[in-house]
Amino acid sequence: MPEAAPTEVRPEWFTCVPARDDLGLLHRLFRHAWLTELTNLIEVCEANLALDLADLRAKVRALRAAPRLSPAVFFIVHRLRRGIAAGDVTEVFDALFFLRRAPREELTARPGMEVTSILTEAWEYGFVEEMRAYRPVLAGGEPVYPYDTLVRPILSHPLEGHRAAIAEAHAQIRAADPVVAAEHDEFVTHTKLFDGVVLRGMTATHAFGAIFLRIPPRDDDAVTYWIEHLVHEISHLKLELLAQHGRLVLNPPEERYPPPIRKDPRPMAGIVHATFVLARMVRVFRALVALGHGPAHAARLDALTAQFEQGLGTLRAHARWTEHGRGIADTLEPCARGLAVPA
């Protein structure tokens, strides 16, 4: 059955506190919007490049019945957008050809979640190049790091150990907050691991469903590390879905503020993202410490709480919230404290 058309936005969606009721609908609306845009972009290409792309339009119609899409679909949309905007016919042809040759199993996601190295699928190469181009700079324009970003596939570390630690991290997240675990189950299709420096993780709407995470340092507690970064990226995906329905803050994007996690000044929307994910990480670690987990979790809770308070202070001082954003703002502290949505 085709997916239903989007419905009106619900104000109760805009909360930092994990809530189960909206997960499936939010995800369906997101997929619907991107598949509709993909059809529109294909029609633009047909009209302007004298191409017959009826087979691609039929392929996209068939994808509407799929319960889970591969990140490849969103990345195709991204490449078509970018190519059309830049007048880059080669990029447009590359994206259309990828869509034409990709079998259905490359465009849909299997049940569950796969943990692999980066660069195991063809669509990833373009996204990984974006990751490698990351160059954060300080307020004065000087680089944050005296070295380039490195993002490399896993060659020298057996994946089995990482998979086991990630499985334990998921089990602990589920015990601490079942709704955060449900968000993972609904949104995440691929966990992609890499080695390198500078970047620790990345998600994006144009690769929705994939979480890219750097493997932990050898001297770090692996399970604690994975809990932090999995909750971080899951929460980014949730907030990205909400942000598709309207701006959260009115601050101009050219304004920059000190962030609670990264070193490079960020637009206010970035501060909102960082504080949102920190509230949820604090929530999960607070619950795990209460369940009796050891000093590594307690130390991470202390560090994350300090970052959360920094982000919250910046928001209180400078954020100019929209109506939707106000729902996020009012629930940041209750979320971090482990409370339910305020009545």
Protein backbone atom coordinates (compact mmCIF):
# COMPACT_ATOMS: atom_id res chain seq x y z
CA MET A 1 0.00 0.00 0.00
CA PRO A 2 1.30 3.52 -0.77
CA GLU A 3 2.09 5.71 2.18
CA ALA A 4 -0.55 8.21 3.27
CA ALA A 5 -0.03 11.87 2.44
CA PRO A 6 1.37 14.05 5.22
CA THR A 7 -0.99 15.19 7.95
CA GLU A 8 -0.86 18.34 10.01
CA VAL A 9 2.01 18.81 12.42
CA ARG A 10 1.23 17.97 16.04
CA PRO A 11 2.51 20.41 18.69
CA GLU A 12 3.17 17.56 21.13
CA TRP A 13 5.85 16.22 18.80
CA PHE A 14 8.14 19.10 19.77
CA THR A 15 9.61 17.82 23.00
CA CYS A 16 13.05 16.72 24.09
CA VAL A 17 11.59 14.02 26.34
CA PRO A 18 11.52 10.71 24.42
CA ALA A 19 7.94 9.92 23.37
CA ARG A 20 6.90 6.75 21.60
CA ASP A 21 3.61 7.81 19.99
CA ASP A 22 5.05 9.90 17.18
CA LEU A 23 7.91 7.70 16.00
CA GLY A 24 6.31 5.76 13.15
CA LEU A 25 4.30 8.70 11.85
CA LEU A 26 7.25 11.10 11.92
CA HIS A 27 9.34 8.59 10.01
CA ARG A 28 6.61 7.94 7.43
CA LEU A 29 6.10 11.65 6.80
CA PHE A 30 9.83 12.10 6.30
CA ARG A 31 10.04 9.25 3.80
CA HIS A 32 6.95 10.50 1.99
CA ALA A 33 8.40 14.00 1.59
CA TRP A 34 11.74 12.75 0.27
CA LEU A 35 10.21 10.27 -2.18
CA THR A 36 7.89 13.01 -3.46
CA GLU A 37 10.88 15.29 -3.97
CA LEU A 38 12.76 12.50 -5.73
CA THR A 39 9.87 12.09 -8.19
CA ASN A 40 9.80 15.85 -8.77
CA LEU A 41 13.55 15.97 -9.38
CA ILE A 42 13.32 13.12 -11.88
CA GLU A 43 10.59 15.02 -13.73
CA VAL A 44 12.79 18.14 -13.82
CA CYS A 45 15.57 16.05 -15.36
CA GLU A 46 13.20 14.59 -17.94
CA ALA A 47 11.97 18.04 -18.93
CA ASN A 48 15.38 19.71 -19.13
CA LEU A 49 17.62 16.91 -20.40
CA ALA A 50 15.27 15.24 -22.88
CA LEU A 51 15.48 11.91 -21.03
CA ASP A 52 12.92 9.14 -20.73
CA LEU A 53 13.00 8.25 -17.03
CA ALA A 54 9.67 6.45 -16.74
CA ASP A 55 11.45 3.44 -15.26
CA LEU A 56 12.89 5.59 -12.47
CA ARG A 57 9.51 7.12 -11.67
CA ALA A 58 8.07 3.61 -11.43
CA LYS A 59 10.94 2.52 -9.18
CA VAL A 60 10.27 5.41 -6.81
CA ARG A 61 6.52 4.59 -6.74
CA ALA A 62 7.40 1.04 -5.73
CA LEU A 63 9.62 2.32 -2.90
CA ARG A 64 6.62 3.97 -1.24
CA ALA A 65 5.49 0.55 -0.03
CA ALA A 66 8.84 -0.21 1.61
CA PRO A 67 8.76 0.08 5.43
CA ARG A 68 12.46 1.06 5.59
CA LEU A 69 14.57 2.85 3.00
CA SER A 70 18.31 2.61 2.60
CA PRO A 71 20.30 5.81 3.22
CA ALA A 72 21.18 5.46 -0.47
CA VAL A 73 17.77 6.86 -1.43
CA PHE A 74 18.25 10.05 0.56
CA PHE A 75 21.75 10.47 -0.79
CA ILE A 76 20.46 10.19 -4.37
CA VAL A 77 18.03 13.03 -3.63
CA HIS A 78 20.89 15.06 -2.17
CA ARG A 79 23.06 14.54 -5.24
CA LEU A 80 20.24 15.42 -7.62
CA ARG A 81 19.46 18.59 -5.64
CA ARG A 82 23.11 19.58 -5.64
CA GLY A 83 23.69 18.77 -9.29
CA ILE A 84 20.59 20.63 -10.49
CA ALA A 85 21.35 23.68 -8.32
CA ALA A 86 24.93 23.84 -9.62
CA GLY A 87 24.05 23.04 -13.21
CA ASP A 88 26.35 20.02 -12.94
CA VAL A 89 24.91 17.64 -15.54
CA THR A 90 27.57 15.02 -14.80
CA GLU A 91 26.52 14.75 -11.14
CA VAL A 92 22.87 14.57 -12.22
CA PHE A 93 23.64 11.74 -14.66
CA ASP A 94 25.68 9.91 -12.02
CA ALA A 95 22.80 10.06 -9.52
CA LEU A 96 20.21 8.98 -12.08
CA PHE A 97 22.41 6.12 -13.25
CA PHE A 98 22.94 4.93 -9.67
CA LEU A 99 19.16 4.90 -9.14
CA ARG A 100 18.62 3.02 -12.40
CA ARG A 101 21.21 0.30 -11.76
CA ALA A 102 20.58 -0.17 -8.03
CA PRO A 103 18.49 -3.26 -7.28
CA ARG A 104 15.67 -2.95 -4.77
CA GLU A 105 17.75 -4.51 -2.00
CA GLU A 106 20.24 -1.62 -2.25
CA LEU A 107 17.45 0.93 -1.89
CA THR A 108 15.61 -0.68 1.02
CA ALA A 109 16.85 -1.69 4.45
CA ARG A 110 16.51 -5.09 6.03
CA PRO A 111 14.92 -5.51 9.47
CA GLY A 112 17.31 -4.90 12.32
CA MET A 113 20.53 -2.94 12.15
CA GLU A 114 23.85 -3.74 10.51
CA VAL A 115 27.23 -2.86 12.05
CA THR A 116 29.94 -2.67 9.40
CA SER A 117 32.98 -0.66 8.44
CA ILE A 118 32.43 2.40 6.29
CA LEU A 119 32.70 2.01 2.51
CA THR A 120 30.94 -1.35 2.29
CA GLU A 121 28.22 0.14 0.03
CA ALA A 122 28.59 2.17 -3.15
CA TRP A 123 26.48 5.16 -2.05
CA GLU A 124 28.74 5.82 0.96
CA TYR A 125 31.75 7.04 -0.99
CA GLY A 126 30.24 10.46 -1.65
CA PHE A 127 29.11 10.85 1.95
CA VAL A 128 32.50 9.84 3.34
CA GLU A 129 34.13 12.44 1.10
CA GLU A 130 31.90 15.05 2.79
CA MET A 131 33.07 13.78 6.19
CA ARG A 132 36.71 13.99 5.12
CA ALA A 133 36.21 17.60 4.03
CA TYR A 134 35.23 18.67 7.57
CA ARG A 135 37.49 21.57 8.65
CA PRO A 136 36.28 23.30 11.84
CA VAL A 137 37.61 26.81 12.46
CA LEU A 138 37.67 29.06 15.52
CA ALA A 139 36.07 32.51 15.73
CA GLY A 140 39.19 34.13 14.27
CA GLY A 141 39.24 31.80 11.28
CA GLU A 142 42.17 29.66 12.43
CA PRO A 143 41.68 25.89 12.30
CA VAL A 144 40.63 24.09 15.47
CA TYR A 145 43.05 21.23 14.83
CA PRO A 146 46.62 21.40 13.46
CA TYR A 147 45.94 18.34 11.29
CA ASP A 148 43.41 17.24 8.69
CA THR A 149 40.33 15.16 9.36
CA LEU A 150 40.98 11.46 8.81
CA VAL A 151 38.13 9.05 8.15
CA ARG A 152 39.33 5.56 7.28
CA PRO A 153 37.69 2.14 6.94
CA ILE A 154 38.36 -0.48 9.59
CA LEU A 155 41.33 -2.64 8.59
CA SER A 156 43.34 -3.36 11.74
CA HIS A 157 40.55 -3.79 14.33
CA PRO A 158 38.34 -6.92 14.27
CA LEU A 159 34.72 -5.83 14.07
CA GLU A 160 33.51 -8.62 16.35
CA GLY A 161 34.71 -6.87 19.51
CA HIS A 162 33.08 -3.60 18.50
CA ARG A 163 29.83 -5.38 17.64
CA ALA A 164 29.77 -7.06 21.04
CA ALA A 165 30.36 -3.78 22.88
CA ILE A 166 27.71 -2.04 20.76
CA ALA A 167 25.22 -4.83 21.53
CA GLU A 168 25.87 -4.38 25.26
CA ALA A 169 25.50 -0.62 24.88
CA HIS A 170 22.14 -1.11 23.18
CA ALA A 171 21.00 -3.42 25.98
CA GLN A 172 21.91 -0.81 28.57
CA ILE A 173 20.18 1.98 26.62
CA ARG A 174 17.04 -0.17 26.44
CA ALA A 175 17.14 -0.71 30.20
CA ALA A 176 17.72 2.98 30.89
CA ASP A 177 15.12 4.41 28.50
CA PRO A 178 13.06 2.05 26.32
CA VAL A 179 11.79 4.93 24.19
CA VAL A 180 15.29 6.00 23.16
CA ALA A 181 15.85 2.35 22.22
CA ALA A 182 12.60 2.42 20.24
CA GLU A 183 13.84 5.50 18.37
CA HIS A 184 16.93 3.54 17.41
CA ASP A 185 14.82 0.61 16.24
CA GLU A 186 12.60 2.89 14.15
CA PHE A 187 15.21 5.18 12.59
CA VAL A 188 18.57 3.43 12.39
CA THR A 189 19.31 0.94 9.61
CA HIS A 190 23.12 1.01 9.50
CA THR A 191 25.89 1.69 12.00
CA LYS A 192 29.06 2.48 10.05
CA LEU A 193 32.36 2.37 11.92
CA PHE A 194 35.55 4.20 10.99
CA ASP A 195 39.00 4.96 12.34
CA GLY A 196 40.61 8.39 12.24
CA VAL A 197 40.90 11.74 13.97
CA VAL A 198 38.80 14.91 14.49
CA LEU A 199 35.31 13.56 13.72
CA ARG A 200 33.80 11.19 16.26
CA GLY A 201 30.45 10.70 14.58
CA MET A 202 28.04 12.01 11.99
CA THR A 203 24.45 11.68 10.89
CA ALA A 204 22.61 13.69 8.25
CA THR A 205 19.14 13.84 6.73
CA HIS A 206 20.65 13.13 3.32
CA ALA A 207 21.96 9.80 4.62
CA PHE A 208 19.05 9.13 6.95
CA GLY A 209 19.17 5.83 8.77
CA ALA A 210 22.95 5.60 8.90
CA ILE A 211 25.03 6.44 11.96
CA PHE A 212 28.74 6.97 11.30
CA LEU A 213 30.87 6.47 14.43
CA ARG A 214 34.59 6.44 15.11
CA ILE A 215 35.83 3.46 17.09
CA PRO A 216 36.77 4.27 20.71
CA PRO A 217 40.34 4.87 21.90
CA ARG A 218 41.97 1.77 23.32
CA ASP A 219 42.08 3.24 26.84
CA ASP A 220 38.39 4.21 26.91
CA ASP A 221 35.61 2.10 28.39
CA ALA A 222 34.09 0.82 25.16
CA VAL A 223 30.51 0.26 26.34
CA THR A 224 30.34 3.70 27.99
CA TYR A 225 31.74 5.26 24.81
CA TRP A 226 29.20 3.53 22.58
CA ILE A 227 26.26 4.46 24.84
CA GLU A 228 27.23 8.13 24.68
CA HIS A 229 27.69 8.24 20.93
CA LEU A 230 24.74 6.04 20.00
CA VAL A 231 22.34 8.17 22.08
CA HIS A 232 23.98 11.28 20.61
CA GLU A 233 23.37 10.26 17.00
CA ILE A 234 19.92 8.72 17.60
CA SER A 235 18.88 12.03 19.14
CA HIS A 236 20.23 13.99 16.17
CA LEU A 237 18.05 11.86 13.87
CA LYS A 238 14.97 12.54 16.01
CA LEU A 239 15.57 16.29 16.06
CA GLU A 240 16.23 16.32 12.31
CA LEU A 241 12.79 14.79 11.76
CA LEU A 242 11.22 17.50 13.91
CA ALA A 243 13.16 20.26 12.15
CA GLN A 244 11.69 19.16 8.81
CA HIS A 245 8.39 20.67 10.00
CA GLY A 246 9.65 24.18 10.67
CA ARG A 247 12.42 26.25 12.20
CA LEU A 248 13.05 25.91 15.93
CA VAL A 249 14.84 29.25 16.44
CA LEU A 250 14.67 32.63 14.72
CA ASN A 251 18.35 33.54 15.24
CA PRO A 252 20.03 34.32 11.89
CA PRO A 253 22.30 31.47 10.73
CA GLU A 254 25.27 33.83 10.35
CA GLU A 255 25.31 34.49 14.12
CA ARG A 256 27.73 32.24 16.01
CA TYR A 257 27.76 31.13 19.64
CA PRO A 258 30.11 29.04 21.81
CA PRO A 259 29.03 25.39 21.61
CA PRO A 260 28.87 22.94 24.51
CA ILE A 261 30.55 20.05 22.66
CA ARG A 262 32.58 21.25 19.69
CA LYS A 263 35.26 23.96 19.74
CA ASP A 264 34.15 25.90 16.65
CA PRO A 265 31.42 28.55 17.14
CA ARG A 266 28.05 27.36 15.87
CA PRO A 267 24.78 28.90 14.64
CA MET A 268 22.01 28.82 17.23
CA ALA A 269 20.39 25.86 15.46
CA GLY A 270 23.62 23.95 16.15
CA ILE A 271 23.49 24.92 19.83
CA VAL A 272 19.93 23.60 19.98
CA HIS A 273 21.03 20.30 18.44
CA ALA A 274 23.96 19.96 20.83
CA THR A 275 21.91 20.77 23.95
CA PHE A 276 19.07 18.47 22.83
CA VAL A 277 21.39 15.49 22.43
CA LEU A 278 23.20 16.30 25.68
CA ALA A 279 19.91 16.36 27.60
CA ARG A 280 19.16 12.87 26.34
CA MET A 281 22.66 11.55 27.03
CA VAL A 282 22.42 12.91 30.59
CA ARG A 283 18.99 11.26 30.91
CA VAL A 284 20.30 7.84 29.88
CA PHE A 285 23.47 7.96 32.01
CA ARG A 286 21.51 9.26 35.01
CA ALA A 287 19.23 6.22 34.73
CA LEU A 288 22.16 3.84 34.32
CA VAL A 289 23.94 5.21 37.38
CA ALA A 290 20.70 4.81 39.33
CA LEU A 291 20.59 1.19 38.13
CA GLY A 292 23.99 0.62 39.73
CA HIS A 293 26.42 0.88 36.84
CA GLY A 294 29.98 1.73 37.80
CA PRO A 295 32.41 4.64 37.89
CA ALA A 296 32.90 4.93 34.12
CA HIS A 297 29.22 5.75 33.71
CA ALA A 298 29.25 8.17 36.65
CA ALA A 299 32.27 10.01 35.28
CA ARG A 300 30.63 10.31 31.86
CA LEU A 301 27.44 11.59 33.51
CA ASP A 302 29.38 14.33 35.30
CA ALA A 303 31.13 15.45 32.11
CA LEU A 304 27.95 15.43 30.04
CA THR A 305 25.99 17.29 32.73
CA ALA A 306 28.57 20.10 32.70
CA GLN A 307 28.30 20.36 28.91
CA PHE A 308 24.50 20.32 29.09
CA GLU A 309 24.48 23.18 31.60
CA GLN A 310 26.76 25.18 29.30
CA GLY A 311 24.49 24.64 26.32
CA LEU A 312 21.39 25.43 28.36
CA GLY A 313 22.97 28.70 29.53
CA THR A 314 23.66 29.76 25.94
CA LEU A 315 20.09 28.98 24.91
CA ARG A 316 18.65 30.91 27.85
CA ALA A 317 20.78 33.92 27.06
CA HIS A 318 20.44 34.06 23.29
CA ALA A 319 17.86 31.71 21.72
CA ARG A 320 14.85 33.27 20.04
CA TRP A 321 12.43 30.38 19.87
CA THR A 322 9.66 29.69 17.39
CA GLU A 323 6.42 28.16 18.65
CA HIS A 324 7.71 24.69 17.79
CA GLY A 325 11.08 25.44 19.32
CA ARG A 326 9.51 26.55 22.59
CA GLY A 327 8.26 23.01 23.12
CA ILE A 328 11.87 21.81 22.85
CA ALA A 329 13.12 24.57 25.16
CA ASP A 330 10.57 23.85 27.89
CA THR A 331 11.44 20.15 28.01
CA LEU A 332 15.24 20.20 27.96
CA GLU A 333 15.62 20.20 31.74
CA PRO A 334 12.80 17.69 32.41
CA CYS A 335 14.40 15.40 29.87
CA ALA A 336 17.81 15.57 31.50
CA ARG A 337 16.29 14.98 34.93
CA GLY A 338 14.51 11.86 33.72
CA LEU A 339 10.98 13.25 33.91
CA ALA A 340 8.01 12.68 31.64
CA VAL A 341 6.57 15.32 29.31
CA PRO A 342 5.11 18.16 31.43
CA ALA A 343 1.33 18.27 31.46
